[in-house]
Amino acid sequence: MNPLRWCQLGCLFLLCGCSTGHLPKGAQRVGGGLSIHYLPPSDGTVIVLERTSGRIIATSSASSSGAPFEFGPATTPDWEALMTGFFPKWNPTLGRNDYVIPTNAFFELYFVPERSP
């Protein structure tokens, strides 16, 4: 992995890893699971929260007219580094494939609609 990618990943961990799990006002739970595919009803922000720890795993702007938001082992770049950062005891080589995650991890998807001016 190139140094720029490590820097981006480090920034993600600093911003998301230190979160207290507090969601913005107006956040609505719209789904969850290991593989998430979500097209929002309007423009806004999507937030992936790991329920057991209360930590925010990922955030992204989303548009109802754009590509759907996707999160999971097959769609998230650097999935292994992300899971290792949030779940230090996670080891994909102990499972039958690289998609094994801790059994106590619960991913929830929240959507915050963009405010109208």
PDB file of N, CA and C in Angstrom:
ATOM      1  N   MET A   1       0.856  -1.162   0.000  1.00  0.00           N
ATOM      2  CA  MET A   1       0.000   0.000   0.000  1.00  0.00           C
ATOM      3  C   MET A   1       0.908   1.233   0.000  1.00  0.00           C
ATOM      4  N   ASN A   2       0.561   2.222  -0.804  1.00  0.00           N
ATOM      5  CA  ASN A   2       1.408   3.400  -0.914  1.00  0.00           C
ATOM      6  C   ASN A   2       1.252   4.324   0.301  1.00  0.00           C
ATOM      7  N   PRO A   3       2.217   5.205   0.525  1.00  0.00           N
ATOM      8  CA  PRO A   3       2.185   6.086   1.704  1.00  0.00           C
ATOM      9  C   PRO A   3       0.952   6.993   1.757  1.00  0.00           C
ATOM     10  N   LEU A   4       0.473   7.459   0.610  1.00  0.00           N
ATOM     11  CA  LEU A   4      -0.712   8.307   0.596  1.00  0.00           C
ATOM     12  C   LEU A   4      -1.917   7.550   1.134  1.00  0.00           C
ATOM     13  N   ARG A   5      -2.043   6.280   0.753  1.00  0.00           N
ATOM     14  CA  ARG A   5      -3.162   5.452   1.224  1.00  0.00           C
ATOM     15  C   ARG A   5      -3.089   5.261   2.736  1.00  0.00           C
ATOM     16  N   TRP A   6      -1.874   5.059   3.281  1.00  0.00           N
ATOM     17  CA  TRP A   6      -1.707   4.904   4.732  1.00  0.00           C
ATOM     18  C   TRP A   6      -2.097   6.197   5.444  1.00  0.00           C
ATOM     19  N   CYS A   7      -1.725   7.331   4.851  1.00  0.00           N
ATOM     20  CA  CYS A   7      -2.065   8.623   5.443  1.00  0.00           C
ATOM     21  C   CYS A   7      -3.577   8.814   5.482  1.00  0.00           C
ATOM     22  N   GLN A   8      -4.253   8.483   4.380  1.00  0.00           N
ATOM     23  CA  GLN A   8      -5.717   8.591   4.330  1.00  0.00           C
ATOM     24  C   GLN A   8      -6.362   7.690   5.365  1.00  0.00           C
ATOM     25  N   LEU A   9      -5.873   6.466   5.467  1.00  0.00           N
ATOM     26  CA  LEU A   9      -6.419   5.518   6.426  1.00  0.00           C
ATOM     27  C   LEU A   9      -6.176   5.996   7.857  1.00  0.00           C
ATOM     28  N   GLY A  10      -4.986   6.553   8.113  1.00  0.00           N
ATOM     29  CA  GLY A  10      -4.674   7.084   9.441  1.00  0.00           C
ATOM     30  C   GLY A  10      -5.603   8.220   9.827  1.00  0.00           C
ATOM     31  N   CYS A  11      -5.879   9.107   8.873  1.00  0.00           N
ATOM     32  CA  CYS A  11      -6.808  10.212   9.134  1.00  0.00           C
ATOM     33  C   CYS A  11      -8.207   9.682   9.435  1.00  0.00           C
ATOM     34  N   LEU A  12      -8.622   8.665   8.706  1.00  0.00           N
ATOM     35  CA  LEU A  12      -9.928   8.055   8.948  1.00  0.00           C
ATOM     36  C   LEU A  12     -10.005   7.511  10.368  1.00  0.00           C
ATOM     37  N   PHE A  13      -8.950   6.816  10.810  1.00  0.00           N
ATOM     38  CA  PHE A  13      -8.939   6.269  12.163  1.00  0.00           C
ATOM     39  C   PHE A  13      -8.975   7.375  13.211  1.00  0.00           C
ATOM     40  N   LEU A  14      -8.234   8.463  12.975  1.00  0.00           N
ATOM     41  CA  LEU A  14      -8.225   9.557  13.936  1.00  0.00           C
ATOM     42  C   LEU A  14      -9.588  10.217  14.035  1.00  0.00           C
ATOM     43  N   LEU A  15     -10.222  10.418  12.897  1.00  0.00           N
ATOM     44  CA  LEU A  15     -11.526  11.076  12.898  1.00  0.00           C
ATOM     45  C   LEU A  15     -12.635  10.175  13.405  1.00  0.00           C
ATOM     46  N   CYS A  16     -12.628   8.924  12.970  1.00  0.00           N
ATOM     47  CA  CYS A  16     -13.716   8.018  13.322  1.00  0.00           C
ATOM     48  C   CYS A  16     -13.428   7.209  14.577  1.00  0.00           C
ATOM     49  N   GLY A  17     -12.191   6.828  14.772  1.00  0.00           N
ATOM     50  CA  GLY A  17     -11.855   5.965  15.891  1.00  0.00           C
ATOM     51  C   GLY A  17     -12.033   6.634  17.235  1.00  0.00           C
ATOM     52  N   CYS A  18     -11.950   7.957  17.266  1.00  0.00           N
ATOM     53  CA  CYS A  18     -12.083   8.671  18.525  1.00  0.00           C
ATOM     54  C   CYS A  18     -13.526   9.084  18.797  1.00  0.00           C
ATOM     55  N   SER A  19     -14.413   8.711  17.935  1.00  0.00           N
ATOM     56  CA  SER A  19     -15.807   9.105  18.088  1.00  0.00           C
ATOM     57  C   SER A  19     -16.415   8.483  19.329  1.00  0.00           C
ATOM     58  N   THR A  20     -17.319   9.224  19.944  1.00  0.00           N
ATOM     59  CA  THR A  20     -18.023   8.702  21.103  1.00  0.00           C
ATOM     60  C   THR A  20     -19.277   7.957  20.689  1.00  0.00           C
ATOM     61  N   GLY A  21     -19.539   7.922  19.397  1.00  0.00           N
ATOM     62  CA  GLY A  21     -20.721   7.224  18.925  1.00  0.00           C
ATOM     63  C   GLY A  21     -21.961   8.097  18.885  1.00  0.00           C
ATOM     64  N   HIS A  22     -21.817   9.373  19.225  1.00  0.00           N
ATOM     65  CA  HIS A  22     -22.970  10.263  19.175  1.00  0.00           C
ATOM     66  C   HIS A  22     -23.275  10.590  17.721  1.00  0.00           C
ATOM     67  N   LEU A  23     -24.503  10.389  17.354  1.00  0.00           N
ATOM     68  CA  LEU A  23     -24.920  10.653  15.977  1.00  0.00           C
ATOM     69  C   LEU A  23     -25.484  12.065  15.868  1.00  0.00           C
ATOM     70  N   PRO A  24     -25.384  12.672  14.700  1.00  0.00           N
ATOM     71  CA  PRO A  24     -25.940  14.017  14.519  1.00  0.00           C
ATOM     72  C   PRO A  24     -27.461  14.015  14.670  1.00  0.00           C
ATOM     73  N   LYS A  25     -27.978  15.166  15.011  1.00  0.00           N
ATOM     74  CA  LYS A  25     -29.424  15.327  15.138  1.00  0.00           C
ATOM     75  C   LYS A  25     -30.072  15.022  13.795  1.00  0.00           C
ATOM     76  N   GLY A  26     -31.145  14.290  13.811  1.00  0.00           N
ATOM     77  CA  GLY A  26     -31.859  13.935  12.589  1.00  0.00           C
ATOM     78  C   GLY A  26     -31.419  12.630  11.963  1.00  0.00           C
ATOM     79  N   ALA A  27     -30.427  11.952  12.561  1.00  0.00           N
ATOM     80  CA  ALA A  27     -29.961  10.671  12.005  1.00  0.00           C
ATOM     81  C   ALA A  27     -31.050   9.620  12.163  1.00  0.00           C
ATOM     82  N   GLN A  28     -31.310   8.912  11.086  1.00  0.00           N
ATOM     83  CA  GLN A  28     -32.340   7.868  11.068  1.00  0.00           C
ATOM     84  C   GLN A  28     -31.689   6.536  10.740  1.00  0.00           C
ATOM     85  N   ARG A  29     -31.992   5.508  11.511  1.00  0.00           N
ATOM     86  CA  ARG A  29     -31.458   4.188  11.203  1.00  0.00           C
ATOM     87  C   ARG A  29     -32.196   3.655   9.975  1.00  0.00           C
ATOM     88  N   VAL A  30     -31.428   3.297   8.948  1.00  0.00           N
ATOM     89  CA  VAL A  30     -32.047   2.860   7.693  1.00  0.00           C
ATOM     90  C   VAL A  30     -31.601   1.464   7.269  1.00  0.00           C
ATOM     91  N   GLY A  31     -30.732   0.832   8.037  1.00  0.00           N
ATOM     92  CA  GLY A  31     -30.293  -0.510   7.671  1.00  0.00           C
ATOM     93  C   GLY A  31     -29.072  -0.921   8.448  1.00  0.00           C
ATOM     94  N   GLY A  32     -28.429  -1.945   7.946  1.00  0.00           N
ATOM     95  CA  GLY A  32     -27.229  -2.442   8.588  1.00  0.00           C
ATOM     96  C   GLY A  32     -26.837  -3.787   8.028  1.00  0.00           C
ATOM     97  N   GLY A  33     -25.860  -4.404   8.659  1.00  0.00           N
ATOM     98  CA  GLY A  33     -25.393  -5.710   8.228  1.00  0.00           C
ATOM     99  C   GLY A  33     -23.957  -5.663   7.771  1.00  0.00           C
ATOM    100  N   LEU A  34     -23.477  -6.778   7.280  1.00  0.00           N
ATOM    101  CA  LEU A  34     -22.096  -6.878   6.835  1.00  0.00           C
ATOM    102  C   LEU A  34     -21.915  -6.278   5.448  1.00  0.00           C
ATOM    103  N   SER A  35     -22.856  -6.502   4.556  1.00  0.00           N
ATOM    104  CA  SER A  35     -22.800  -5.932   3.208  1.00  0.00           C
ATOM    105  C   SER A  35     -23.972  -4.983   3.043  1.00  0.00           C
ATOM    106  N   ILE A  36     -23.661  -3.697   2.931  1.00  0.00           N
ATOM    107  CA  ILE A  36     -24.698  -2.664   2.857  1.00  0.00           C
ATOM    108  C   ILE A  36     -24.693  -2.037   1.469  1.00  0.00           C
ATOM    109  N   HIS A  37     -25.874  -1.896   0.909  1.00  0.00           N
ATOM    110  CA  HIS A  37     -26.091  -1.240  -0.387  1.00  0.00           C
ATOM    111  C   HIS A  37     -27.302  -0.331  -0.173  1.00  0.00           C
ATOM    112  N   TYR A  38     -27.099   0.992  -0.229  1.00  0.00           N
ATOM    113  CA  TYR A  38     -28.172   1.919   0.129  1.00  0.00           C
ATOM    114  C   TYR A  38     -28.203   3.100  -0.824  1.00  0.00           C
ATOM    115  N   LEU A  39     -29.370   3.370  -1.382  1.00  0.00           N
ATOM    116  CA  LEU A  39     -29.602   4.555  -2.200  1.00  0.00           C
ATOM    117  C   LEU A  39     -30.550   5.451  -1.402  1.00  0.00           C
ATOM    118  N   PRO A  40     -30.064   6.598  -0.930  1.00  0.00           N
ATOM    119  CA  PRO A  40     -30.890   7.459  -0.070  1.00  0.00           C
ATOM    120  C   PRO A  40     -32.041   8.106  -0.838  1.00  0.00           C
ATOM    121  N   PRO A  41     -33.108   8.460  -0.116  1.00  0.00           N
ATOM    122  CA  PRO A  41     -34.261   9.109  -0.756  1.00  0.00           C
ATOM    123  C   PRO A  41     -33.988  10.563  -1.142  1.00  0.00           C
ATOM    124  N   SER A  42     -32.952  11.159  -0.539  1.00  0.00           N
ATOM    125  CA  SER A  42     -32.574  12.540  -0.835  1.00  0.00           C
ATOM    126  C   SER A  42     -31.075  12.687  -0.558  1.00  0.00           C
ATOM    127  N   ASP A  43     -30.524  13.858  -0.864  1.00  0.00           N
ATOM    128  CA  ASP A  43     -29.113  14.105  -0.579  1.00  0.00           C
ATOM    129  C   ASP A  43     -28.904  14.171   0.932  1.00  0.00           C
ATOM    130  N   GLY A  44     -27.718  13.742   1.366  1.00  0.00           N
ATOM    131  CA  GLY A  44     -27.419  13.790   2.792  1.00  0.00           C
ATOM    132  C   GLY A  44     -26.124  13.066   3.108  1.00  0.00           C
ATOM    133  N   THR A  45     -26.030  12.575   4.326  1.00  0.00           N
ATOM    134  CA  THR A  45     -24.842  11.882   4.810  1.00  0.00           C
ATOM    135  C   THR A  45     -25.237  10.508   5.345  1.00  0.00           C
ATOM    136  N   VAL A  46     -24.440   9.505   4.991  1.00  0.00           N
ATOM    137  CA  VAL A  46     -24.645   8.166   5.551  1.00  0.00           C
ATOM    138  C   VAL A  46     -23.527   7.903   6.555  1.00  0.00           C
ATOM    139  N   ILE A  47     -23.882   7.210   7.623  1.00  0.00           N
ATOM    140  CA  ILE A  47     -22.952   6.915   8.708  1.00  0.00           C
ATOM    141  C   ILE A  47     -23.061   5.438   9.039  1.00  0.00           C
ATOM    142  N   VAL A  48     -21.917   4.746   9.075  1.00  0.00           N
ATOM    143  CA  VAL A  48     -21.886   3.349   9.509  1.00  0.00           C
ATOM    144  C   VAL A  48     -21.371   3.344  10.940  1.00  0.00           C
ATOM    145  N   LEU A  49     -22.172   2.795  11.843  1.00  0.00           N
ATOM    146  CA  LEU A  49     -21.840   2.742  13.265  1.00  0.00           C
ATOM    147  C   LEU A  49     -21.685   1.289  13.676  1.00  0.00           C
ATOM    148  N   GLU A  50     -20.657   0.995  14.451  1.00  0.00           N
ATOM    149  CA  GLU A  50     -20.518  -0.342  15.023  1.00  0.00           C
ATOM    150  C   GLU A  50     -21.173  -0.268  16.384  1.00  0.00           C
ATOM    151  N   ARG A  51     -22.295  -0.974  16.538  1.00  0.00           N
ATOM    152  CA  ARG A  51     -23.162  -0.843  17.709  1.00  0.00           C
ATOM    153  C   ARG A  51     -22.502  -1.272  19.019  1.00  0.00           C
ATOM    154  N   THR A  52     -21.731  -2.335  19.035  1.00  0.00           N
ATOM    155  CA  THR A  52     -21.154  -2.839  20.276  1.00  0.00           C
ATOM    156  C   THR A  52     -20.238  -1.810  20.930  1.00  0.00           C
ATOM    157  N   SER A  53     -19.391  -1.175  20.136  1.00  0.00           N
ATOM    158  CA  SER A  53     -18.454  -0.182  20.674  1.00  0.00           C
ATOM    159  C   SER A  53     -19.011   1.235  20.641  1.00  0.00           C
ATOM    160  N   GLY A  54     -20.031   1.475  19.801  1.00  0.00           N
ATOM    161  CA  GLY A  54     -20.571   2.819  19.631  1.00  0.00           C
ATOM    162  C   GLY A  54     -19.702   3.695  18.760  1.00  0.00           C
ATOM    163  N   ARG A  55     -18.741   3.093  18.059  1.00  0.00           N
ATOM    164  CA  ARG A  55     -17.796   3.854  17.237  1.00  0.00           C
ATOM    165  C   ARG A  55     -18.299   3.996  15.803  1.00  0.00           C
ATOM    166  N   ILE A  56     -18.050   5.157  15.242  1.00  0.00           N
ATOM    167  CA  ILE A  56     -18.394   5.406  13.849  1.00  0.00           C
ATOM    168  C   ILE A  56     -17.282   4.813  12.988  1.00  0.00           C
ATOM    169  N   ILE A  57     -17.664   3.932  12.074  1.00  0.00           N
ATOM    170  CA  ILE A  57     -16.718   3.248  11.200  1.00  0.00           C
ATOM    171  C   ILE A  57     -16.466   4.046   9.925  1.00  0.00           C
ATOM    172  N   ALA A  58     -17.517   4.615   9.351  1.00  0.00           N
ATOM    173  CA  ALA A  58     -17.378   5.342   8.093  1.00  0.00           C
ATOM    174  C   ALA A  58     -18.489   6.379   7.962  1.00  0.00           C
ATOM    175  N   THR A  59     -18.183   7.451   7.264  1.00  0.00           N
ATOM    176  CA  THR A  59     -19.186   8.452   6.893  1.00  0.00           C
ATOM    177  C   THR A  59     -18.958   8.818   5.435  1.00  0.00           C
ATOM    178  N   SER A  60     -20.031   9.199   4.771  1.00  0.00           N
ATOM    179  CA  SER A  60     -19.909   9.566   3.370  1.00  0.00           C
ATOM    180  C   SER A  60     -21.094  10.431   2.954  1.00  0.00           C
ATOM    181  N   SER A  61     -20.838  11.362   2.051  1.00  0.00           N
ATOM    182  CA  SER A  61     -21.935  12.112   1.446  1.00  0.00           C
ATOM    183  C   SER A  61     -22.637  11.185   0.470  1.00  0.00           C
ATOM    184  N   ALA A  62     -23.937  11.345   0.364  1.00  0.00           N
ATOM    185  CA  ALA A  62     -24.707  10.491  -0.540  1.00  0.00           C
ATOM    186  C   ALA A  62     -25.754  11.325  -1.265  1.00  0.00           C
ATOM    187  N   SER A  63     -26.024  10.916  -2.483  1.00  0.00           N
ATOM    188  CA  SER A  63     -26.989  11.622  -3.310  1.00  0.00           C
ATOM    189  C   SER A  63     -28.011  10.636  -3.854  1.00  0.00           C
ATOM    190  N   SER A  64     -29.260  11.048  -3.871  1.00  0.00           N
ATOM    191  CA  SER A  64     -30.302  10.170  -4.407  1.00  0.00           C
ATOM    192  C   SER A  64     -30.151   9.967  -5.908  1.00  0.00           C
ATOM    193  N   SER A  65     -29.426  10.863  -6.573  1.00  0.00           N
ATOM    194  CA  SER A  65     -29.236  10.740  -8.014  1.00  0.00           C
ATOM    195  C   SER A  65     -27.880  10.142  -8.379  1.00  0.00           C
ATOM    196  N   GLY A  66     -27.063   9.864  -7.376  1.00  0.00           N
ATOM    197  CA  GLY A  66     -25.727   9.324  -7.628  1.00  0.00           C
ATOM    198  C   GLY A  66     -25.667   7.824  -7.412  1.00  0.00           C
ATOM    199  N   ALA A  67     -24.451   7.336  -7.283  1.00  0.00           N
ATOM    200  CA  ALA A  67     -24.239   5.911  -7.042  1.00  0.00           C
ATOM    201  C   ALA A  67     -24.665   5.579  -5.614  1.00  0.00           C
ATOM    202  N   PRO A  68     -25.164   4.372  -5.386  1.00  0.00           N
ATOM    203  CA  PRO A  68     -25.549   3.986  -4.028  1.00  0.00           C
ATOM    204  C   PRO A  68     -24.332   3.907  -3.103  1.00  0.00           C
ATOM    205  N   PHE A  69     -24.572   4.086  -1.812  1.00  0.00           N
ATOM    206  CA  PHE A  69     -23.522   3.912  -0.816  1.00  0.00           C
ATOM    207  C   PHE A  69     -23.352   2.413  -0.590  1.00  0.00           C
ATOM    208  N   GLU A  70     -22.107   1.953  -0.592  1.00  0.00           N
ATOM    209  CA  GLU A  70     -21.834   0.535  -0.374  1.00  0.00           C
ATOM    210  C   GLU A  70     -20.765   0.378   0.687  1.00  0.00           C
ATOM    211  N   PHE A  71     -20.958  -0.615   1.546  1.00  0.00           N
ATOM    212  CA  PHE A  71     -20.012  -0.908   2.621  1.00  0.00           C
ATOM    213  C   PHE A  71     -19.975  -2.415   2.812  1.00  0.00           C
ATOM    214  N   GLY A  72     -18.788  -2.974   2.883  1.00  0.00           N
ATOM    215  CA  GLY A  72     -18.639  -4.401   3.118  1.00  0.00           C
ATOM    216  C   GLY A  72     -17.343  -4.922   2.554  1.00  0.00           C
ATOM    217  N   PRO A  73     -17.047  -6.196   2.796  1.00  0.00           N
ATOM    218  CA  PRO A  73     -15.769  -6.758   2.386  1.00  0.00           C
ATOM    219  C   PRO A  73     -15.508  -6.691   0.881  1.00  0.00           C
ATOM    220  N   ALA A  74     -16.531  -6.816   0.072  1.00  0.00           N
ATOM    221  CA  ALA A  74     -16.336  -6.832  -1.376  1.00  0.00           C
ATOM    222  C   ALA A  74     -16.330  -5.430  -1.979  1.00  0.00           C
ATOM    223  N   THR A  75     -16.787  -4.413  -1.226  1.00  0.00           N
ATOM    224  CA  THR A  75     -16.943  -3.081  -1.809  1.00  0.00           C
ATOM    225  C   THR A  75     -16.134  -1.989  -1.127  1.00  0.00           C
ATOM    226  N   THR A  76     -15.619  -2.224   0.066  1.00  0.00           N
ATOM    227  CA  THR A  76     -14.875  -1.205   0.794  1.00  0.00           C
ATOM    228  C   THR A  76     -13.376  -1.366   0.561  1.00  0.00           C
ATOM    229  N   PRO A  77     -12.727  -0.332  -0.001  1.00  0.00           N
ATOM    230  CA  PRO A  77     -11.270  -0.423  -0.178  1.00  0.00           C
ATOM    231  C   PRO A  77     -10.588  -0.579   1.184  1.00  0.00           C
ATOM    232  N   ASP A  78      -9.508  -1.343   1.217  1.00  0.00           N
ATOM    233  CA  ASP A  78      -8.733  -1.532   2.450  1.00  0.00           C
ATOM    234  C   ASP A  78      -9.564  -2.124   3.588  1.00  0.00           C
ATOM    235  N   TRP A  79     -10.480  -3.032   3.265  1.00  0.00           N
ATOM    236  CA  TRP A  79     -11.349  -3.665   4.265  1.00  0.00           C
ATOM    237  C   TRP A  79     -10.546  -4.285   5.411  1.00  0.00           C
ATOM    238  N   GLU A  80      -9.489  -5.023   5.067  1.00  0.00           N
ATOM    239  CA  GLU A  80      -8.706  -5.704   6.106  1.00  0.00           C
ATOM    240  C   GLU A  80      -8.055  -4.698   7.057  1.00  0.00           C
ATOM    241  N   ALA A  81      -7.470  -3.633   6.526  1.00  0.00           N
ATOM    242  CA  ALA A  81      -6.843  -2.606   7.370  1.00  0.00           C
ATOM    243  C   ALA A  81      -7.884  -1.909   8.239  1.00  0.00           C
ATOM    244  N   LEU A  82      -9.060  -1.654   7.697  1.00  0.00           N
ATOM    245  CA  LEU A  82     -10.133  -1.013   8.446  1.00  0.00           C
ATOM    246  C   LEU A  82     -10.570  -1.895   9.611  1.00  0.00           C
ATOM    247  N   MET A  83     -10.811  -3.179   9.338  1.00  0.00           N
ATOM    248  CA  MET A  83     -11.253  -4.096  10.394  1.00  0.00           C
ATOM    249  C   MET A  83     -10.172  -4.298  11.449  1.00  0.00           C
ATOM    250  N   THR A  84      -8.916  -4.380  11.031  1.00  0.00           N
ATOM    251  CA  THR A  84      -7.823  -4.551  11.986  1.00  0.00           C
ATOM    252  C   THR A  84      -7.702  -3.310  12.868  1.00  0.00           C
ATOM    253  N   GLY A  85      -7.918  -2.129  12.306  1.00  0.00           N
ATOM    254  CA  GLY A  85      -7.849  -0.890  13.073  1.00  0.00           C
ATOM    255  C   GLY A  85      -8.940  -0.783  14.122  1.00  0.00           C
ATOM    256  N   PHE A  86     -10.137  -1.238  13.792  1.00  0.00           N
ATOM    257  CA  PHE A  86     -11.255  -1.135  14.725  1.00  0.00           C
ATOM    258  C   PHE A  86     -11.394  -2.353  15.634  1.00  0.00           C
ATOM    259  N   PHE A  87     -10.909  -3.495  15.191  1.00  0.00           N
ATOM    260  CA  PHE A  87     -10.996  -4.738  15.963  1.00  0.00           C
ATOM    261  C   PHE A  87      -9.598  -5.346  16.037  1.00  0.00           C
ATOM    262  N   PRO A  88      -8.735  -4.864  16.954  1.00  0.00           N
ATOM    263  CA  PRO A  88      -7.329  -5.281  16.986  1.00  0.00           C
ATOM    264  C   PRO A  88      -7.107  -6.792  17.084  1.00  0.00           C
ATOM    265  N   LYS A  89      -8.024  -7.522  17.672  1.00  0.00           N
ATOM    266  CA  LYS A  89      -7.839  -8.967  17.807  1.00  0.00           C
ATOM    267  C   LYS A  89      -8.318  -9.733  16.577  1.00  0.00           C
ATOM    268  N   TRP A  90      -8.872  -9.027  15.590  1.00  0.00           N
ATOM    269  CA  TRP A  90      -9.383  -9.664  14.383  1.00  0.00           C
ATOM    270  C   TRP A  90      -8.221 -10.182  13.552  1.00  0.00           C
ATOM    271  N   ASN A  91      -8.332 -11.407  13.105  1.00  0.00           N
ATOM    272  CA  ASN A  91      -7.296 -12.010  12.271  1.00  0.00           C
ATOM    273  C   ASN A  91      -7.967 -12.811  11.169  1.00  0.00           C
ATOM    274  N   PRO A  92      -7.957 -12.300   9.942  1.00  0.00           N
ATOM    275  CA  PRO A  92      -8.665 -12.997   8.863  1.00  0.00           C
ATOM    276  C   PRO A  92      -8.103 -14.380   8.556  1.00  0.00           C
ATOM    277  N   THR A  93      -6.862 -14.646   8.929  1.00  0.00           N
ATOM    278  CA  THR A  93      -6.278 -15.954   8.607  1.00  0.00           C
ATOM    279  C   THR A  93      -6.808 -17.062   9.504  1.00  0.00           C
ATOM    280  N   LEU A  94      -7.478 -16.700  10.603  1.00  0.00           N
ATOM    281  CA  LEU A  94      -8.047 -17.727  11.479  1.00  0.00           C
ATOM    282  C   LEU A  94      -9.357 -18.285  10.931  1.00  0.00           C
ATOM    283  N   GLY A  95      -9.998 -17.528  10.046  1.00  0.00           N
ATOM    284  CA  GLY A  95     -11.268 -17.957   9.476  1.00  0.00           C
ATOM    285  C   GLY A  95     -11.065 -18.732   8.186  1.00  0.00           C
ATOM    286  N   ARG A  96     -12.172 -19.100   7.569  1.00  0.00           N
ATOM    287  CA  ARG A  96     -12.117 -19.853   6.320  1.00  0.00           C
ATOM    288  C   ARG A  96     -11.862 -18.952   5.132  1.00  0.00           C
ATOM    289  N   ASN A  97     -12.090 -17.660   5.288  1.00  0.00           N
ATOM    290  CA  ASN A  97     -11.801 -16.697   4.222  1.00  0.00           C
ATOM    291  C   ASN A  97     -11.528 -15.330   4.838  1.00  0.00           C
ATOM    292  N   ASP A  98     -11.201 -14.363   4.017  1.00  0.00           N
ATOM    293  CA  ASP A  98     -10.857 -13.033   4.516  1.00  0.00           C
ATOM    294  C   ASP A  98     -12.066 -12.215   4.957  1.00  0.00           C
ATOM    295  N   TYR A  99     -13.265 -12.738   4.851  1.00  0.00           N
ATOM    296  CA  TYR A  99     -14.452 -11.967   5.180  1.00  0.00           C
ATOM    297  C   TYR A  99     -14.955 -12.219   6.591  1.00  0.00           C
ATOM    298  N   VAL A 100     -14.193 -12.923   7.407  1.00  0.00           N
ATOM    299  CA  VAL A 100     -14.589 -13.200   8.779  1.00  0.00           C
ATOM    300  C   VAL A 100     -14.397 -11.936   9.611  1.00  0.00           C
ATOM    301  N   ILE A 101     -15.394 -11.584  10.414  1.00  0.00           N
ATOM    302  CA  ILE A 101     -15.278 -10.454  11.323  1.00  0.00           C
ATOM    303  C   ILE A 101     -15.647 -10.939  12.717  1.00  0.00           C
ATOM    304  N   PRO A 102     -15.352 -10.167  13.750  1.00  0.00           N
ATOM    305  CA  PRO A 102     -15.715 -10.596  15.103  1.00  0.00           C
ATOM    306  C   PRO A 102     -17.216 -10.833  15.215  1.00  0.00           C
ATOM    307  N   THR A 103     -17.585 -11.844  15.974  1.00  0.00           N
ATOM    308  CA  THR A 103     -19.008 -12.187  16.094  1.00  0.00           C
ATOM    309  C   THR A 103     -19.792 -11.157  16.880  1.00  0.00           C
ATOM    310  N   ASN A 104     -19.117 -10.296  17.628  1.00  0.00           N
ATOM    311  CA  ASN A 104     -19.838  -9.275  18.390  1.00  0.00           C
ATOM    312  C   ASN A 104     -19.919  -7.937  17.664  1.00  0.00           C
ATOM    313  N   ALA A 105     -19.539  -7.889  16.391  1.00  0.00           N
ATOM    314  CA  ALA A 105     -19.601  -6.651  15.609  1.00  0.00           C
ATOM    315  C   ALA A 105     -20.970  -6.537  14.940  1.00  0.00           C
ATOM    316  N   PHE A 106     -21.636  -5.407  15.163  1.00  0.00           N
ATOM    317  CA  PHE A 106     -22.947  -5.152  14.558  1.00  0.00           C
ATOM    318  C   PHE A 106     -22.896  -3.805  13.851  1.00  0.00           C
ATOM    319  N   PHE A 107     -22.963  -3.829  12.531  1.00  0.00           N
ATOM    320  CA  PHE A 107     -22.897  -2.602  11.749  1.00  0.00           C
ATOM    321  C   PHE A 107     -24.305  -2.079  11.487  1.00  0.00           C
ATOM    322  N   GLU A 108     -24.520  -0.804  11.813  1.00  0.00           N
ATOM    323  CA  GLU A 108     -25.807  -0.155  11.580  1.00  0.00           C
ATOM    324  C   GLU A 108     -25.582   1.025  10.647  1.00  0.00           C
ATOM    325  N   LEU A 109     -26.538   1.250   9.747  1.00  0.00           N
ATOM    326  CA  LEU A 109     -26.445   2.354   8.794  1.00  0.00           C
ATOM    327  C   LEU A 109     -27.454   3.429   9.176  1.00  0.00           C
ATOM    328  N   TYR A 110     -26.961   4.659   9.257  1.00  0.00           N
ATOM    329  CA  TYR A 110     -27.805   5.813   9.566  1.00  0.00           C
ATOM    330  C   TYR A 110     -27.730   6.802   8.410  1.00  0.00           C
ATOM    331  N   PHE A 111     -28.833   7.529   8.220  1.00  0.00           N
ATOM    332  CA  PHE A 111     -28.891   8.535   7.171  1.00  0.00           C
ATOM    333  C   PHE A 111     -29.321   9.862   7.795  1.00  0.00           C
ATOM    334  N   VAL A 112     -28.602  10.928   7.446  1.00  0.00           N
ATOM    335  CA  VAL A 112     -28.924  12.281   7.897  1.00  0.00           C
ATOM    336  C   VAL A 112     -29.254  13.095   6.656  1.00  0.00           C
ATOM    337  N   PRO A 113     -30.535  13.447   6.464  1.00  0.00           N
ATOM    338  CA  PRO A 113     -30.891  14.236   5.281  1.00  0.00           C
ATOM    339  C   PRO A 113     -30.224  15.615   5.307  1.00  0.00           C
ATOM    340  N   GLU A 114     -29.902  16.106   4.125  1.00  0.00           N
ATOM    341  CA  GLU A 114     -29.325  17.435   3.994  1.00  0.00           C
ATOM    342  C   GLU A 114     -30.405  18.458   4.351  1.00  0.00           C
ATOM    343  N   ARG A 115     -30.004  19.471   5.083  1.00  0.00           N
ATOM    344  CA  ARG A 115     -30.967  20.510   5.465  1.00  0.00           C
ATOM    345  C   ARG A 115     -31.276  21.407   4.286  1.00  0.00           C
ATOM    346  N   SER A 116     -32.536  21.751   4.141  1.00  0.00           N
ATOM    347  CA  SER A 116     -32.934  22.677   3.073  1.00  0.00           C
ATOM    348  C   SER A 116     -32.640  24.099   3.525  1.00  0.00           C
ATOM    349  N   PRO A 117     -32.137  24.931   2.595  1.00  0.00           N
ATOM    350  CA  PRO A 117     -31.819  26.332   2.960  1.00  0.00           C
ATOM    351  C   PRO A 117     -33.058  27.135   3.256  1.00  0.00           C
TER     352      PRO A 117
END
